[in-house]
């Protein structure tokens, strides 16, 4: 096909959902557009603090190491114990922060969040007072984020465990498994 008979590339891109810009093409995919619509910008992924790697890909599965609830400023979103000095709402926000950090690691691993076929599983650890039983409500912060940005592909299996402490007294830590194309 010659250039003269090639279809209008801008029209083709519009049909397949790629937005043209004056400087080229908007490279943000659907998932990142969903994040932006919620006012979320992914931070630079954090380096491991011990002898492990941030993620491992085997086949089409990406295992992401646990991410604590660091905000974009590098400080903990919430420190302490749920059912102690922290409310469920504060824990929910912390778990959402963990989810954002998970997504930053996924993007670092595969380059494009639209390559996520499915969020397979999240595992959450909640820094809990001995009688705190609402860990699942806390971890909904990460789960709700995955569904909000991936739609049905974000629905996942999940485990929530109350623990007596987490690194740096973080309120929440979340790990994840993602299917990648």
C-alpha atoms as a PDB file:
ATOM      1  CA  UNK A   1       0.000   0.000   0.000  1.00  0.00           C
ATOM      2  CA  UNK A   2       1.423   3.379  -0.963  1.00  0.00           C
ATOM      3  CA  UNK A   3       1.233   6.438   1.208  1.00  0.00           C
ATOM      4  CA  UNK A   4      -1.297   7.900  -1.201  1.00  0.00           C
ATOM      5  CA  UNK A   5      -3.710   5.023  -0.635  1.00  0.00           C
ATOM      6  CA  UNK A   6      -2.969   4.445   3.067  1.00  0.00           C
ATOM      7  CA  UNK A   7      -5.897   5.184   5.354  1.00  0.00           C
ATOM      8  CA  UNK A   8      -5.795   8.389   7.335  1.00  0.00           C
ATOM      9  CA  UNK A   9      -3.517   7.368  10.215  1.00  0.00           C
ATOM     10  CA  UNK A  10      -5.098   9.839  12.642  1.00  0.00           C
ATOM     11  CA  UNK A  11      -8.534   8.371  11.915  1.00  0.00           C
ATOM     12  CA  UNK A  12      -7.244   4.840  12.411  1.00  0.00           C
ATOM     13  CA  UNK A  13      -5.635   5.832  15.692  1.00  0.00           C
ATOM     14  CA  UNK A  14      -8.864   7.479  16.836  1.00  0.00           C
ATOM     15  CA  UNK A  15     -10.838   4.326  16.033  1.00  0.00           C
ATOM     16  CA  UNK A  16      -8.484   2.117  18.047  1.00  0.00           C
ATOM     17  CA  UNK A  17      -8.435   4.540  20.976  1.00  0.00           C
ATOM     18  CA  UNK A  18      -5.069   6.263  20.592  1.00  0.00           C
ATOM     19  CA  UNK A  19      -5.278  10.011  20.910  1.00  0.00           C
ATOM     20  CA  UNK A  20      -3.178  12.109  18.549  1.00  0.00           C
ATOM     21  CA  UNK A  21      -1.420  15.187  19.891  1.00  0.00           C
ATOM     22  CA  UNK A  22       0.517  17.933  18.132  1.00  0.00           C
ATOM     23  CA  UNK A  23       3.793  16.392  19.345  1.00  0.00           C
ATOM     24  CA  UNK A  24       2.946  12.825  18.417  1.00  0.00           C
ATOM     25  CA  UNK A  25       0.781  10.328  20.190  1.00  0.00           C
ATOM     26  CA  UNK A  26      -0.373  10.374  23.780  1.00  0.00           C
ATOM     27  CA  UNK A  27       1.425   7.302  25.114  1.00  0.00           C
ATOM     28  CA  UNK A  28      -0.634   7.063  28.293  1.00  0.00           C
ATOM     29  CA  UNK A  29      -2.756   3.967  28.009  1.00  0.00           C
ATOM     30  CA  UNK A  30      -6.210   3.333  29.363  1.00  0.00           C
ATOM     31  CA  UNK A  31      -5.006   2.323  32.820  1.00  0.00           C
ATOM     32  CA  UNK A  32      -2.883   5.430  33.253  1.00  0.00           C
ATOM     33  CA  UNK A  33      -5.753   7.560  31.990  1.00  0.00           C
ATOM     34  CA  UNK A  34      -7.953   5.954  34.665  1.00  0.00           C
ATOM     35  CA  UNK A  35      -5.317   6.797  37.281  1.00  0.00           C
ATOM     36  CA  UNK A  36      -5.041  10.385  36.037  1.00  0.00           C
ATOM     37  CA  UNK A  37      -8.828  10.765  36.116  1.00  0.00           C
ATOM     38  CA  UNK A  38      -8.631   9.956  39.830  1.00  0.00           C
ATOM     39  CA  UNK A  39      -5.822  12.449  40.367  1.00  0.00           C
ATOM     40  CA  UNK A  40      -3.222   9.700  40.876  1.00  0.00           C
ATOM     41  CA  UNK A  41       0.321  10.021  39.572  1.00  0.00           C
ATOM     42  CA  UNK A  42       2.575   7.024  39.989  1.00  0.00           C
ATOM     43  CA  UNK A  43       5.686   7.705  42.045  1.00  0.00           C
ATOM     44  CA  UNK A  44       9.144   6.479  41.118  1.00  0.00           C
ATOM     45  CA  UNK A  45       9.283   2.866  42.300  1.00  0.00           C
ATOM     46  CA  UNK A  46      11.127   2.391  45.571  1.00  0.00           C
ATOM     47  CA  UNK A  47      14.302   0.317  45.696  1.00  0.00           C
ATOM     48  CA  UNK A  48      14.346  -2.722  47.999  1.00  0.00           C
ATOM     49  CA  UNK A  49      15.652  -2.095  51.499  1.00  0.00           C
ATOM     50  CA  UNK A  50      17.170  -5.575  51.956  1.00  0.00           C
ATOM     51  CA  UNK A  51      18.381  -8.597  49.957  1.00  0.00           C
ATOM     52  CA  UNK A  52      15.443  -9.062  47.553  1.00  0.00           C
ATOM     53  CA  UNK A  53      14.216  -7.705  44.230  1.00  0.00           C
ATOM     54  CA  UNK A  54      11.125  -5.537  43.742  1.00  0.00           C
ATOM     55  CA  UNK A  55       9.506  -7.975  41.297  1.00  0.00           C
ATOM     56  CA  UNK A  56      10.044 -11.282  39.541  1.00  0.00           C
ATOM     57  CA  UNK A  57       8.498 -12.259  36.238  1.00  0.00           C
ATOM     58  CA  UNK A  58       8.106 -15.915  35.425  1.00  0.00           C
ATOM     59  CA  UNK A  59       6.193 -16.732  32.265  1.00  0.00           C
ATOM     60  CA  UNK A  60       3.177 -14.465  32.153  1.00  0.00           C
ATOM     61  CA  UNK A  61       3.049 -13.887  35.923  1.00  0.00           C
ATOM     62  CA  UNK A  62       4.605 -10.901  37.672  1.00  0.00           C
ATOM     63  CA  UNK A  63       5.140 -11.224  41.429  1.00  0.00           C
ATOM     64  CA  UNK A  64       5.590  -7.842  43.108  1.00  0.00           C
ATOM     65  CA  UNK A  65       7.255  -7.675  46.522  1.00  0.00           C
ATOM     66  CA  UNK A  66       5.362  -6.121  49.404  1.00  0.00           C
ATOM     67  CA  UNK A  67       4.982  -2.363  49.205  1.00  0.00           C
ATOM     68  CA  UNK A  68       4.490  -0.324  52.356  1.00  0.00           C
ATOM     69  CA  UNK A  69       2.295   2.746  52.481  1.00  0.00           C
ATOM     70  CA  UNK A  70       4.762   5.405  51.376  1.00  0.00           C
ATOM     71  CA  UNK A  71       3.319   8.549  49.852  1.00  0.00           C
ATOM     72  CA  UNK A  72       4.791  10.434  46.913  1.00  0.00           C
ATOM     73  CA  UNK A  73       6.844  12.461  49.420  1.00  0.00           C
ATOM     74  CA  UNK A  74       8.576   9.261  50.588  1.00  0.00           C
ATOM     75  CA  UNK A  75       6.957   9.447  54.026  1.00  0.00           C
ATOM     76  CA  UNK A  76       4.527   6.930  55.501  1.00  0.00           C
ATOM     77  CA  UNK A  77       0.888   7.685  54.780  1.00  0.00           C
ATOM     78  CA  UNK A  78       0.029   6.103  58.136  1.00  0.00           C
ATOM     79  CA  UNK A  79       2.210   4.727  60.925  1.00  0.00           C
ATOM     80  CA  UNK A  80       1.074   2.686  63.873  1.00  0.00           C
ATOM     81  CA  UNK A  81      -1.621   0.161  64.607  1.00  0.00           C
ATOM     82  CA  UNK A  82      -5.108  -0.223  63.243  1.00  0.00           C
ATOM     83  CA  UNK A  83      -7.481  -0.490  66.155  1.00  0.00           C
ATOM     84  CA  UNK A  84      -4.939   1.490  68.190  1.00  0.00           C
ATOM     85  CA  UNK A  85      -3.924   4.962  67.052  1.00  0.00           C
ATOM     86  CA  UNK A  86      -5.313   4.542  63.499  1.00  0.00           C
ATOM     87  CA  UNK A  87      -8.862   4.431  62.161  1.00  0.00           C
ATOM     88  CA  UNK A  88     -10.175   2.153  59.425  1.00  0.00           C
ATOM     89  CA  UNK A  89     -10.313   5.202  57.131  1.00  0.00           C
ATOM     90  CA  UNK A  90      -6.634   5.966  57.722  1.00  0.00           C
ATOM     91  CA  UNK A  91      -5.795   2.317  57.092  1.00  0.00           C
ATOM     92  CA  UNK A  92      -7.866   2.335  53.882  1.00  0.00           C
ATOM     93  CA  UNK A  93      -5.873   5.351  52.622  1.00  0.00           C
ATOM     94  CA  UNK A  94      -2.631   3.578  53.554  1.00  0.00           C
ATOM     95  CA  UNK A  95      -3.673   0.429  51.658  1.00  0.00           C
ATOM     96  CA  UNK A  96      -4.560   2.552  48.630  1.00  0.00           C
ATOM     97  CA  UNK A  97      -1.059   4.051  48.833  1.00  0.00           C
ATOM     98  CA  UNK A  98       0.382   0.526  48.871  1.00  0.00           C
ATOM     99  CA  UNK A  99      -1.661  -0.239  45.750  1.00  0.00           C
ATOM    100  CA  UNK A 100      -0.289   2.841  44.000  1.00  0.00           C
ATOM    101  CA  UNK A 101       3.239   1.699  44.854  1.00  0.00           C
ATOM    102  CA  UNK A 102       2.449  -1.781  43.503  1.00  0.00           C
ATOM    103  CA  UNK A 103       1.363  -0.222  40.215  1.00  0.00           C
ATOM    104  CA  UNK A 104       4.587   1.813  40.068  1.00  0.00           C
ATOM    105  CA  UNK A 105       6.546  -1.450  40.352  1.00  0.00           C
ATOM    106  CA  UNK A 106       4.389  -3.127  37.685  1.00  0.00           C
ATOM    107  CA  UNK A 107       5.019  -0.218  35.322  1.00  0.00           C
ATOM    108  CA  UNK A 108       8.765  -0.441  36.013  1.00  0.00           C
ATOM    109  CA  UNK A 109       8.654  -4.171  35.254  1.00  0.00           C
ATOM    110  CA  UNK A 110       6.651  -4.118  32.012  1.00  0.00           C
ATOM    111  CA  UNK A 111       6.694  -0.490  30.859  1.00  0.00           C
ATOM    112  CA  UNK A 112       2.959  -0.191  30.190  1.00  0.00           C
ATOM    113  CA  UNK A 113       0.137  -0.898  32.626  1.00  0.00           C
ATOM    114  CA  UNK A 114      -2.111  -1.830  29.703  1.00  0.00           C
ATOM    115  CA  UNK A 115      -0.046  -5.038  29.462  1.00  0.00           C
ATOM    116  CA  UNK A 116      -1.749  -6.241  32.646  1.00  0.00           C
ATOM    117  CA  UNK A 117      -4.190  -8.970  31.641  1.00  0.00           C
ATOM    118  CA  UNK A 118      -5.486  -9.449  35.171  1.00  0.00           C
ATOM    119  CA  UNK A 119      -4.755  -8.651  38.794  1.00  0.00           C
ATOM    120  CA  UNK A 120      -4.509 -12.224  40.081  1.00  0.00           C
ATOM    121  CA  UNK A 121      -3.991 -11.811  43.822  1.00  0.00           C
ATOM    122  CA  UNK A 122      -3.243  -9.264  46.526  1.00  0.00           C
ATOM    123  CA  UNK A 123      -1.838 -10.196  49.900  1.00  0.00           C
ATOM    124  CA  UNK A 124      -2.178  -7.621  52.637  1.00  0.00           C
ATOM    125  CA  UNK A 125      -0.565  -7.248  56.023  1.00  0.00           C
ATOM    126  CA  UNK A 126      -2.236  -4.918  58.496  1.00  0.00           C
ATOM    127  CA  UNK A 127      -0.325  -3.652  61.529  1.00  0.00           C
ATOM    128  CA  UNK A 128      -3.029  -4.435  64.071  1.00  0.00           C
ATOM    129  CA  UNK A 129      -3.841  -4.059  67.724  1.00  0.00           C
ATOM    130  CA  UNK A 130      -4.519  -7.525  69.254  1.00  0.00           C
ATOM    131  CA  UNK A 131      -8.314  -7.189  69.088  1.00  0.00           C
ATOM    132  CA  UNK A 132      -8.563  -5.503  65.645  1.00  0.00           C
ATOM    133  CA  UNK A 133     -10.723  -7.621  63.316  1.00  0.00           C
ATOM    134  CA  UNK A 134     -11.451  -5.215  60.431  1.00  0.00           C
ATOM    135  CA  UNK A 135      -8.321  -5.832  58.358  1.00  0.00           C
ATOM    136  CA  UNK A 136     -10.407  -6.698  55.283  1.00  0.00           C
ATOM    137  CA  UNK A 137     -12.051  -3.247  55.400  1.00  0.00           C
ATOM    138  CA  UNK A 138      -8.584  -1.691  55.495  1.00  0.00           C
ATOM    139  CA  UNK A 139      -7.290  -3.723  52.551  1.00  0.00           C
ATOM    140  CA  UNK A 140     -10.273  -2.638  50.471  1.00  0.00           C
ATOM    141  CA  UNK A 141      -8.199   0.517  49.832  1.00  0.00           C
ATOM    142  CA  UNK A 142      -5.880  -1.488  47.573  1.00  0.00           C
ATOM    143  CA  UNK A 143      -8.613  -3.728  46.151  1.00  0.00           C
ATOM    144  CA  UNK A 144     -10.917  -0.833  45.275  1.00  0.00           C
ATOM    145  CA  UNK A 145      -8.019   0.906  43.512  1.00  0.00           C
ATOM    146  CA  UNK A 146      -7.312  -2.145  41.334  1.00  0.00           C
ATOM    147  CA  UNK A 147     -10.950  -2.394  40.267  1.00  0.00           C
ATOM    148  CA  UNK A 148     -11.175   1.366  39.671  1.00  0.00           C
ATOM    149  CA  UNK A 149      -8.191   1.393  37.309  1.00  0.00           C
ATOM    150  CA  UNK A 150      -8.463  -2.046  35.644  1.00  0.00           C
ATOM    151  CA  UNK A 151     -12.233  -2.614  35.718  1.00  0.00           C
ATOM    152  CA  UNK A 152     -13.172  -6.305  35.833  1.00  0.00           C
ATOM    153  CA  UNK A 153      -9.533  -7.234  35.153  1.00  0.00           C
ATOM    154  CA  UNK A 154      -8.791  -5.745  38.575  1.00  0.00           C
ATOM    155  CA  UNK A 155     -10.965  -8.233  40.502  1.00  0.00           C
ATOM    156  CA  UNK A 156      -8.640 -10.575  42.342  1.00  0.00           C
ATOM    157  CA  UNK A 157      -8.192 -13.209  44.995  1.00  0.00           C
ATOM    158  CA  UNK A 158      -6.987 -11.774  48.295  1.00  0.00           C
ATOM    159  CA  UNK A 159      -5.617 -12.577  51.710  1.00  0.00           C
ATOM    160  CA  UNK A 160      -5.568 -10.162  54.644  1.00  0.00           C
ATOM    161  CA  UNK A 161      -3.459 -10.905  57.704  1.00  0.00           C
ATOM    162  CA  UNK A 162      -3.217  -8.906  60.920  1.00  0.00           C
ATOM    163  CA  UNK A 163       0.387  -8.652  62.142  1.00  0.00           C
ATOM    164  CA  UNK A 164       2.031  -7.275  65.260  1.00  0.00           C
ATOM    165  CA  UNK A 165       4.460  -5.023  63.376  1.00  0.00           C
ATOM    166  CA  UNK A 166       5.621  -3.938  59.928  1.00  0.00           C
ATOM    167  CA  UNK A 167       8.820  -2.271  58.692  1.00  0.00           C
ATOM    168  CA  UNK A 168       9.183   1.343  59.913  1.00  0.00           C
ATOM    169  CA  UNK A 169       5.901   0.911  61.832  1.00  0.00           C
ATOM    170  CA  UNK A 170       3.971   1.150  58.533  1.00  0.00           C
ATOM    171  CA  UNK A 171       0.246   0.644  58.963  1.00  0.00           C
ATOM    172  CA  UNK A 172      -0.128  -1.593  55.886  1.00  0.00           C
ATOM    173  CA  UNK A 173       1.944  -3.585  53.393  1.00  0.00           C
ATOM    174  CA  UNK A 174       0.535  -5.142  50.210  1.00  0.00           C
ATOM    175  CA  UNK A 175       2.069  -7.602  47.725  1.00  0.00           C
ATOM    176  CA  UNK A 176       0.610  -8.624  44.390  1.00  0.00           C
ATOM    177  CA  UNK A 177       0.550 -11.108  41.543  1.00  0.00           C
ATOM    178  CA  UNK A 178      -0.325  -9.857  38.069  1.00  0.00           C
ATOM    179  CA  UNK A 179      -0.890 -11.702  34.797  1.00  0.00           C
ATOM    180  CA  UNK A 180       0.997  -9.900  32.035  1.00  0.00           C
ATOM    181  CA  UNK A 181       0.721 -10.245  28.267  1.00  0.00           C
END
